[in-house]
Structure formats: structure tokens, C-alpha cells
Amino acid sequence: DLAAATGLPVTLDKDVIAAAVAERWAGAAGDSSNFVFV
């Protein structure tokens, strides 16, 4: 529905999984290969 409304590709994921991705990309976990995000 959002892809149709914006004309852009859309990716959906669970909020906590997205937050873990953020830490891996740009946060405190950049140097860790094994971590837990709460």
C-alpha cells in the first residue's frame, strides 16, 4: 500500500530487527559481530 502511494520500493521489517540493523550500520555495535539489541 505504501509502495503504491509513494512510487518507491518499500521494505517491511519488525521494529526490533530494524533497530539491530541500525546499531550494526551506524550505532554502538559497529565493531561487534555478536550482539543483542533490547
PDB file of all heavy atoms in Angstrom:
ATOM      1  N   ASP A   1       0.832  -1.209   0.000  1.00  0.00           N
ATOM      2  CA  ASP A   1       0.000   0.000   0.000  1.00  0.00           C
ATOM      3  C   ASP A   1       0.865   1.256   0.000  1.00  0.00           C
ATOM      4  O   ASP A   1       0.575   2.224  -0.723  1.00  0.00           O
ATOM      5  CB  ASP A   1      -0.934   0.007   1.217  1.00  0.00           C
ATOM      6  CG  ASP A   1      -2.037  -1.031   1.121  1.00  0.00           C
ATOM      7  OD1 ASP A   1      -2.214  -1.610   0.031  1.00  0.00           O
ATOM      8  OD2 ASP A   1      -2.719  -1.278   2.141  1.00  0.00           O
ATOM      9  N   LEU A   2       1.943   1.252   0.805  1.00  0.00           N
ATOM     10  CA  LEU A   2       2.805   2.440   0.842  1.00  0.00           C
ATOM     11  C   LEU A   2       3.617   2.559  -0.438  1.00  0.00           C
ATOM     12  O   LEU A   2       3.859   3.674  -0.928  1.00  0.00           O
ATOM     13  CB  LEU A   2       3.734   2.380   2.055  1.00  0.00           C
ATOM     14  CG  LEU A   2       4.574   3.633   2.302  1.00  0.00           C
ATOM     15  CD1 LEU A   2       3.687   4.853   2.489  1.00  0.00           C
ATOM     16  CD2 LEU A   2       5.478   3.461   3.520  1.00  0.00           C
ATOM     17  N   ALA A   3       4.029   1.436  -1.017  1.00  0.00           N
ATOM     18  CA  ALA A   3       4.743   1.481  -2.294  1.00  0.00           C
ATOM     19  C   ALA A   3       3.861   2.081  -3.380  1.00  0.00           C
ATOM     20  O   ALA A   3       4.317   2.896  -4.196  1.00  0.00           O
ATOM     21  CB  ALA A   3       5.202   0.081  -2.691  1.00  0.00           C
ATOM     22  N   ALA A   4       2.578   1.703  -3.404  1.00  0.00           N
ATOM     23  CA  ALA A   4       1.652   2.249  -4.391  1.00  0.00           C
ATOM     24  C   ALA A   4       1.427   3.740  -4.170  1.00  0.00           C
ATOM     25  O   ALA A   4       1.280   4.507  -5.134  1.00  0.00           O
ATOM     26  CB  ALA A   4       0.321   1.499  -4.331  1.00  0.00           C
ATOM     27  N   ALA A   5       1.412   4.165  -2.898  1.00  0.00           N
ATOM     28  CA  ALA A   5       1.148   5.566  -2.588  1.00  0.00           C
ATOM     29  C   ALA A   5       2.344   6.468  -2.845  1.00  0.00           C
ATOM     30  O   ALA A   5       2.180   7.667  -3.111  1.00  0.00           O
ATOM     31  CB  ALA A   5       0.702   5.708  -1.129  1.00  0.00           C
ATOM     32  N   THR A   6       3.566   5.930  -2.793  1.00  0.00           N
ATOM     33  CA  THR A   6       4.768   6.754  -2.936  1.00  0.00           C
ATOM     34  C   THR A   6       5.509   6.533  -4.247  1.00  0.00           C
ATOM     35  O   THR A   6       6.311   7.382  -4.641  1.00  0.00           O
ATOM     36  CB  THR A   6       5.750   6.479  -1.783  1.00  0.00           C
ATOM     37  OG1 THR A   6       6.146   5.098  -1.826  1.00  0.00           O
ATOM     38  CG2 THR A   6       5.105   6.793  -0.435  1.00  0.00           C
ATOM     39  N   GLY A   7       5.284   5.381  -4.889  1.00  0.00           N
ATOM     40  CA  GLY A   7       6.039   5.049  -6.089  1.00  0.00           C
ATOM     41  C   GLY A   7       7.460   4.613  -5.806  1.00  0.00           C
ATOM     42  O   GLY A   7       8.281   4.521  -6.730  1.00  0.00           O
ATOM     43  N   LEU A   8       7.773   4.305  -4.553  1.00  0.00           N
ATOM     44  CA  LEU A   8       9.113   3.879  -4.170  1.00  0.00           C
ATOM     45  C   LEU A   8       9.089   2.431  -3.690  1.00  0.00           C
ATOM     46  O   LEU A   8       8.080   1.970  -3.142  1.00  0.00           O
ATOM     47  CB  LEU A   8       9.656   4.764  -3.037  1.00  0.00           C
ATOM     48  CG  LEU A   8      10.054   6.190  -3.416  1.00  0.00           C
ATOM     49  CD1 LEU A   8      10.291   7.020  -2.153  1.00  0.00           C
ATOM     50  CD2 LEU A   8      11.319   6.179  -4.280  1.00  0.00           C
ATOM     51  N   PRO A   9      10.191   1.698  -3.859  1.00  0.00           N
ATOM     52  CA  PRO A   9      10.272   0.363  -3.256  1.00  0.00           C
ATOM     53  C   PRO A   9      10.177   0.468  -1.739  1.00  0.00           C
ATOM     54  O   PRO A   9      10.746   1.390  -1.134  1.00  0.00           O
ATOM     55  CB  PRO A   9      11.647  -0.148  -3.693  1.00  0.00           C
ATOM     56  CG  PRO A   9      12.059   0.729  -4.831  1.00  0.00           C
ATOM     57  CD  PRO A   9      11.407   2.051  -4.602  1.00  0.00           C
ATOM     58  N   VAL A  10       9.476  -0.454  -1.117  1.00  0.00           N
ATOM     59  CA  VAL A  10       9.273  -0.427   0.333  1.00  0.00           C
ATOM     60  C   VAL A  10       9.692  -1.760   0.934  1.00  0.00           C
ATOM     61  O   VAL A  10       9.373  -2.824   0.400  1.00  0.00           O
ATOM     62  CB  VAL A  10       7.802  -0.125   0.692  1.00  0.00           C
ATOM     63  CG1 VAL A  10       7.584  -0.195   2.198  1.00  0.00           C
ATOM     64  CG2 VAL A  10       7.391   1.257   0.173  1.00  0.00           C
ATOM     65  N   THR A  11      10.419  -1.687   2.043  1.00  0.00           N
ATOM     66  CA  THR A  11      10.837  -2.864   2.802  1.00  0.00           C
ATOM     67  C   THR A  11      10.164  -2.820   4.166  1.00  0.00           C
ATOM     68  O   THR A  11      10.148  -1.775   4.817  1.00  0.00           O
ATOM     69  CB  THR A  11      12.364  -2.880   2.989  1.00  0.00           C
ATOM     70  OG1 THR A  11      12.999  -2.915   1.713  1.00  0.00           O
ATOM     71  CG2 THR A  11      12.808  -4.083   3.805  1.00  0.00           C
ATOM     72  N   LEU A  12       9.594  -3.937   4.588  1.00  0.00           N
ATOM     73  CA  LEU A  12       8.942  -4.031   5.894  1.00  0.00           C
ATOM     74  C   LEU A  12       9.704  -4.999   6.776  1.00  0.00           C
ATOM     75  O   LEU A  12      10.052  -6.098   6.347  1.00  0.00           O
ATOM     76  CB  LEU A  12       7.491  -4.513   5.731  1.00  0.00           C
ATOM     77  CG  LEU A  12       6.729  -4.824   7.031  1.00  0.00           C
ATOM     78  CD1 LEU A  12       6.464  -3.543   7.819  1.00  0.00           C
ATOM     79  CD2 LEU A  12       5.412  -5.548   6.711  1.00  0.00           C
ATOM     80  N   ASP A  13       9.969  -4.595   8.016  1.00  0.00           N
ATOM     81  CA  ASP A  13      10.607  -5.486   8.972  1.00  0.00           C
ATOM     82  C   ASP A  13      10.100  -5.152  10.367  1.00  0.00           C
ATOM     83  O   ASP A  13       9.484  -4.094  10.594  1.00  0.00           O
ATOM     84  CB  ASP A  13      12.131  -5.346   8.933  1.00  0.00           C
ATOM     85  CG  ASP A  13      12.841  -6.699   8.923  1.00  0.00           C
ATOM     86  OD1 ASP A  13      12.350  -7.627   9.609  1.00  0.00           O
ATOM     87  OD2 ASP A  13      13.874  -6.829   8.241  1.00  0.00           O
ATOM     88  N   LYS A  14      10.350  -6.051  11.281  1.00  0.00           N
ATOM     89  CA  LYS A  14       9.946  -5.852  12.667  1.00  0.00           C
ATOM     90  C   LYS A  14      10.785  -4.756  13.313  1.00  0.00           C
ATOM     91  O   LYS A  14      11.974  -4.606  13.004  1.00  0.00           O
ATOM     92  CB  LYS A  14      10.118  -7.173  13.411  1.00  0.00           C
ATOM     93  CG  LYS A  14       9.423  -7.248  14.746  1.00  0.00           C
ATOM     94  CD  LYS A  14       9.576  -8.663  15.290  1.00  0.00           C
ATOM     95  CE  LYS A  14       9.041  -8.754  16.704  1.00  0.00           C
ATOM     96  NZ  LYS A  14       9.253 -10.101  17.250  1.00  0.00           N
ATOM     97  N   ASP A  15      10.195  -3.997  14.227  1.00  0.00           N
ATOM     98  CA  ASP A  15      10.873  -2.830  14.782  1.00  0.00           C
ATOM     99  C   ASP A  15      12.187  -3.180  15.486  1.00  0.00           C
ATOM    100  O   ASP A  15      13.202  -2.514  15.292  1.00  0.00           O
ATOM    101  CB  ASP A  15       9.950  -2.036  15.721  1.00  0.00           C
ATOM    102  CG  ASP A  15       9.208  -2.908  16.732  1.00  0.00           C
ATOM    103  OD1 ASP A  15       9.562  -4.088  16.886  1.00  0.00           O
ATOM    104  OD2 ASP A  15       8.263  -2.386  17.366  1.00  0.00           O
ATOM    105  N   VAL A  16      12.194  -4.250  16.269  1.00  0.00           N
ATOM    106  CA  VAL A  16      13.414  -4.574  16.996  1.00  0.00           C
ATOM    107  C   VAL A  16      14.500  -5.083  16.059  1.00  0.00           C
ATOM    108  O   VAL A  16      15.700  -4.850  16.285  1.00  0.00           O
ATOM    109  CB  VAL A  16      13.120  -5.599  18.119  1.00  0.00           C
ATOM    110  CG1 VAL A  16      12.737  -6.964  17.556  1.00  0.00           C
ATOM    111  CG2 VAL A  16      14.296  -5.709  19.070  1.00  0.00           C
ATOM    112  N   ILE A  17      14.122  -5.757  14.980  1.00  0.00           N
ATOM    113  CA  ILE A  17      15.100  -6.192  13.991  1.00  0.00           C
ATOM    114  C   ILE A  17      15.680  -4.981  13.264  1.00  0.00           C
ATOM    115  O   ILE A  17      16.884  -4.896  13.017  1.00  0.00           O
ATOM    116  CB  ILE A  17      14.455  -7.195  13.018  1.00  0.00           C
ATOM    117  CG1 ILE A  17      14.157  -8.507  13.754  1.00  0.00           C
ATOM    118  CG2 ILE A  17      15.347  -7.438  11.804  1.00  0.00           C
ATOM    119  CD1 ILE A  17      13.422  -9.537  12.941  1.00  0.00           C
ATOM    120  N   ALA A  18      14.824  -4.022  12.940  1.00  0.00           N
ATOM    121  CA  ALA A  18      15.303  -2.788  12.312  1.00  0.00           C
ATOM    122  C   ALA A  18      16.285  -2.065  13.226  1.00  0.00           C
ATOM    123  O   ALA A  18      17.317  -1.549  12.775  1.00  0.00           O
ATOM    124  CB  ALA A  18      14.128  -1.883  11.978  1.00  0.00           C
ATOM    125  N   ALA A  19      15.987  -2.020  14.519  1.00  0.00           N
ATOM    126  CA  ALA A  19      16.877  -1.342  15.460  1.00  0.00           C
ATOM    127  C   ALA A  19      18.238  -2.036  15.525  1.00  0.00           C
ATOM    128  O   ALA A  19      19.282  -1.376  15.606  1.00  0.00           O
ATOM    129  CB  ALA A  19      16.233  -1.297  16.843  1.00  0.00           C
ATOM    130  N   ALA A  20      18.247  -3.368  15.471  1.00  0.00           N
ATOM    131  CA  ALA A  20      19.516  -4.096  15.461  1.00  0.00           C
ATOM    132  C   ALA A  20      20.319  -3.766  14.205  1.00  0.00           C
ATOM    133  O   ALA A  20      21.540  -3.624  14.250  1.00  0.00           O
ATOM    134  CB  ALA A  20      19.258  -5.600  15.557  1.00  0.00           C
ATOM    135  N   VAL A  21      19.627  -3.642  13.067  1.00  0.00           N
ATOM    136  CA  VAL A  21      20.300  -3.251  11.829  1.00  0.00           C
ATOM    137  C   VAL A  21      20.910  -1.861  11.966  1.00  0.00           C
ATOM    138  O   VAL A  21      22.025  -1.596  11.509  1.00  0.00           O
ATOM    139  CB  VAL A  21      19.317  -3.311  10.641  1.00  0.00           C
ATOM    140  CG1 VAL A  21      19.934  -2.696   9.392  1.00  0.00           C
ATOM    141  CG2 VAL A  21      18.906  -4.758  10.358  1.00  0.00           C
ATOM    142  N   ALA A  22      20.181  -0.953  12.621  1.00  0.00           N
ATOM    143  CA  ALA A  22      20.702   0.408  12.817  1.00  0.00           C
ATOM    144  C   ALA A  22      21.990   0.395  13.616  1.00  0.00           C
ATOM    145  O   ALA A  22      22.956   1.096  13.285  1.00  0.00           O
ATOM    146  CB  ALA A  22      19.653   1.267  13.522  1.00  0.00           C
ATOM    147  N   GLU A  23      22.017  -0.384  14.685  1.00  0.00           N
ATOM    148  CA  GLU A  23      23.227  -0.445  15.503  1.00  0.00           C
ATOM    149  C   GLU A  23      24.385  -1.047  14.721  1.00  0.00           C
ATOM    150  O   GLU A  23      25.535  -0.641  14.877  1.00  0.00           O
ATOM    151  CB  GLU A  23      22.966  -1.261  16.771  1.00  0.00           C
ATOM    152  CG  GLU A  23      22.007  -0.595  17.740  1.00  0.00           C
ATOM    153  CD  GLU A  23      22.521   0.731  18.287  1.00  0.00           C
ATOM    154  OE1 GLU A  23      23.750   0.935  18.322  1.00  0.00           O
ATOM    155  OE2 GLU A  23      21.694   1.572  18.677  1.00  0.00           O
ATOM    156  N   ARG A  24      24.093  -2.014  13.861  1.00  0.00           N
ATOM    157  CA  ARG A  24      25.138  -2.629  13.046  1.00  0.00           C
ATOM    158  C   ARG A  24      25.676  -1.640  12.020  1.00  0.00           C
ATOM    159  O   ARG A  24      26.877  -1.608  11.722  1.00  0.00           O
ATOM    160  CB  ARG A  24      24.556  -3.865  12.355  1.00  0.00           C
ATOM    161  CG  ARG A  24      25.497  -4.585  11.421  1.00  0.00           C
ATOM    162  CD  ARG A  24      24.813  -5.811  10.826  1.00  0.00           C
ATOM    163  NE  ARG A  24      25.645  -6.453   9.814  1.00  0.00           N
ATOM    164  CZ  ARG A  24      25.664  -6.121   8.534  1.00  0.00           C
ATOM    165  NH1 ARG A  24      24.889  -5.145   8.103  1.00  0.00           N
ATOM    166  NH2 ARG A  24      26.437  -6.741   7.683  1.00  0.00           N
ATOM    167  N   TRP A  25      24.792  -0.815  11.464  1.00  0.00           N
ATOM    168  CA  TRP A  25      25.196   0.118  10.407  1.00  0.00           C
ATOM    169  C   TRP A  25      25.832   1.384  10.971  1.00  0.00           C
ATOM    170  O   TRP A  25      26.859   1.836  10.467  1.00  0.00           O
ATOM    171  CB  TRP A  25      23.972   0.513   9.571  1.00  0.00           C
ATOM    172  CG  TRP A  25      23.899  -0.190   8.268  1.00  0.00           C
ATOM    173  CD1 TRP A  25      23.395  -1.435   8.046  1.00  0.00           C
ATOM    174  CD2 TRP A  25      24.355   0.286   6.993  1.00  0.00           C
ATOM    175  NE1 TRP A  25      23.502  -1.764   6.714  1.00  0.00           N
ATOM    176  CE2 TRP A  25      24.083  -0.727   6.051  1.00  0.00           C
ATOM    177  CE3 TRP A  25      24.946   1.460   6.568  1.00  0.00           C
ATOM    178  CZ2 TRP A  25      24.397  -0.600   4.705  1.00  0.00           C
ATOM    179  CZ3 TRP A  25      25.265   1.599   5.222  1.00  0.00           C
ATOM    180  CH2 TRP A  25      24.991   0.578   4.303  1.00  0.00           C
ATOM    181  N   ALA A  26      25.189   1.977  11.982  1.00  0.00           N
ATOM    182  CA  ALA A  26      25.580   3.343  12.344  1.00  0.00           C
ATOM    183  C   ALA A  26      25.663   3.586  13.839  1.00  0.00           C
ATOM    184  O   ALA A  26      25.808   4.736  14.254  1.00  0.00           O
ATOM    185  CB  ALA A  26      24.564   4.332  11.739  1.00  0.00           C
ATOM    186  N   GLY A  27      25.570   2.538  14.650  1.00  0.00           N
ATOM    187  CA  GLY A  27      25.486   2.755  16.081  1.00  0.00           C
ATOM    188  C   GLY A  27      26.625   2.175  16.887  1.00  0.00           C
ATOM    189  O   GLY A  27      27.761   2.039  16.415  1.00  0.00           O
ATOM    190  N   ALA A  28      26.294   1.762  18.128  1.00  0.00           N
ATOM    191  CA  ALA A  28      27.307   1.330  19.078  1.00  0.00           C
ATOM    192  C   ALA A  28      27.895  -0.033  18.753  1.00  0.00           C
ATOM    193  O   ALA A  28      28.919  -0.413  19.310  1.00  0.00           O
ATOM    194  CB  ALA A  28      26.688   1.289  20.487  1.00  0.00           C
ATOM    195  N   ALA A  29      27.254  -0.794  17.854  1.00  0.00           N
ATOM    196  CA  ALA A  29      27.676  -2.167  17.587  1.00  0.00           C
ATOM    197  C   ALA A  29      28.502  -2.294  16.311  1.00  0.00           C
ATOM    198  O   ALA A  29      28.653  -3.398  15.792  1.00  0.00           O
ATOM    199  CB  ALA A  29      26.456  -3.085  17.507  1.00  0.00           C
ATOM    200  N   GLY A  30      29.039  -1.203  15.809  1.00  0.00           N
ATOM    201  CA  GLY A  30      29.777  -1.265  14.552  1.00  0.00           C
ATOM    202  C   GLY A  30      30.973  -2.186  14.578  1.00  0.00           C
ATOM    203  O   GLY A  30      31.371  -2.730  13.547  1.00  0.00           O
ATOM    204  N   ASP A  31      31.570  -2.414  15.761  1.00  0.00           N
ATOM    205  CA  ASP A  31      32.753  -3.267  15.866  1.00  0.00           C
ATOM    206  C   ASP A  31      32.440  -4.636  16.454  1.00  0.00           C
ATOM    207  O   ASP A  31      33.355  -5.401  16.749  1.00  0.00           O
ATOM    208  CB  ASP A  31      33.823  -2.583  16.731  1.00  0.00           C
ATOM    209  CG  ASP A  31      34.352  -1.306  16.093  1.00  0.00           C
ATOM    210  OD1 ASP A  31      34.433  -1.264  14.853  1.00  0.00           O
ATOM    211  OD2 ASP A  31      34.659  -0.355  16.833  1.00  0.00           O
ATOM    212  N   SER A  32      31.165  -4.954  16.638  1.00  0.00           N
ATOM    213  CA  SER A  32      30.779  -6.236  17.225  1.00  0.00           C
ATOM    214  C   SER A  32      30.052  -7.090  16.195  1.00  0.00           C
ATOM    215  O   SER A  32      29.149  -6.617  15.508  1.00  0.00           O
ATOM    216  CB  SER A  32      29.876  -6.022  18.443  1.00  0.00           C
ATOM    217  OG  SER A  32      29.427  -7.257  18.955  1.00  0.00           O
ATOM    218  N   SER A  33      30.433  -8.354  16.114  1.00  0.00           N
ATOM    219  CA  SER A  33      29.768  -9.292  15.216  1.00  0.00           C
ATOM    220  C   SER A  33      28.688 -10.092  15.918  1.00  0.00           C
ATOM    221  O   SER A  33      27.881 -10.752  15.265  1.00  0.00           O
ATOM    222  CB  SER A  33      30.792 -10.268  14.618  1.00  0.00           C
ATOM    223  OG  SER A  33      31.747  -9.588  13.839  1.00  0.00           O
ATOM    224  N   ASN A  34      28.677 -10.063  17.264  1.00  0.00           N
ATOM    225  CA  ASN A  34      27.713 -10.824  18.049  1.00  0.00           C
ATOM    226  C   ASN A  34      27.173  -9.926  19.162  1.00  0.00           C
ATOM    227  O   ASN A  34      27.858  -9.688  20.159  1.00  0.00           O
ATOM    228  CB  ASN A  34      28.372 -12.063  18.653  1.00  0.00           C
ATOM    229  CG  ASN A  34      28.806 -13.067  17.603  1.00  0.00           C
ATOM    230  OD1 ASN A  34      28.024 -13.894  17.161  1.00  0.00           O
ATOM    231  ND2 ASN A  34      30.069 -12.980  17.198  1.00  0.00           N
ATOM    232  N   PHE A  35      25.966  -9.440  18.968  1.00  0.00           N
ATOM    233  CA  PHE A  35      25.395  -8.564  19.985  1.00  0.00           C
ATOM    234  C   PHE A  35      23.881  -8.748  20.074  1.00  0.00           C
ATOM    235  O   PHE A  35      23.244  -9.337  19.195  1.00  0.00           O
ATOM    236  CB  PHE A  35      25.746  -7.097  19.723  1.00  0.00           C
ATOM    237  CG  PHE A  35      25.076  -6.459  18.532  1.00  0.00           C
ATOM    238  CD1 PHE A  35      23.874  -5.777  18.670  1.00  0.00           C
ATOM    239  CD2 PHE A  35      25.661  -6.515  17.278  1.00  0.00           C
ATOM    240  CE1 PHE A  35      23.268  -5.175  17.578  1.00  0.00           C
ATOM    241  CE2 PHE A  35      25.060  -5.915  16.184  1.00  0.00           C
ATOM    242  CZ  PHE A  35      23.857  -5.243  16.336  1.00  0.00           C
ATOM    243  N   VAL A  36      23.339  -8.258  21.167  1.00  0.00           N
ATOM    244  CA  VAL A  36      21.904  -8.301  21.437  1.00  0.00           C
ATOM    245  C   VAL A  36      21.403  -6.879  21.521  1.00  0.00           C
ATOM    246  O   VAL A  36      22.019  -6.034  22.185  1.00  0.00           O
ATOM    247  CB  VAL A  36      21.613  -9.047  22.757  1.00  0.00           C
ATOM    248  CG1 VAL A  36      20.139  -8.929  23.139  1.00  0.00           C
ATOM    249  CG2 VAL A  36      22.012 -10.510  22.651  1.00  0.00           C
ATOM    250  N   PHE A  37      20.292  -6.593  20.829  1.00  0.00           N
ATOM    251  CA  PHE A  37      19.656  -5.285  20.965  1.00  0.00           C
ATOM    252  C   PHE A  37      18.348  -5.465  21.722  1.00  0.00           C
ATOM    253  O   PHE A  37      17.511  -6.292  21.343  1.00  0.00           O
ATOM    254  CB  PHE A  37      19.370  -4.634  19.613  1.00  0.00           C
ATOM    255  CG  PHE A  37      18.793  -3.248  19.755  1.00  0.00           C
ATOM    256  CD1 PHE A  37      19.618  -2.147  19.819  1.00  0.00           C
ATOM    257  CD2 PHE A  37      17.422  -3.057  19.884  1.00  0.00           C
ATOM    258  CE1 PHE A  37      19.099  -0.878  19.999  1.00  0.00           C
ATOM    259  CE2 PHE A  37      16.884  -1.788  20.059  1.00  0.00           C
ATOM    260  CZ  PHE A  37      17.735  -0.692  20.117  1.00  0.00           C
ATOM    261  N   VAL A  38      18.168  -4.684  22.775  1.00  0.00           N
ATOM    262  CA  VAL A  38      16.949  -4.727  23.579  1.00  0.00           C
ATOM    263  C   VAL A  38      16.138  -3.479  23.284  1.00  0.00           C
ATOM    264  O   VAL A  38      16.625  -2.357  23.480  1.00  0.00           O
ATOM    265  CB  VAL A  38      17.272  -4.805  25.085  1.00  0.00           C
ATOM    266  CG1 VAL A  38      15.982  -4.871  25.907  1.00  0.00           C
ATOM    267  CG2 VAL A  38      18.155  -6.002  25.377  1.00  0.00           C
TER     268      VAL A  38
END
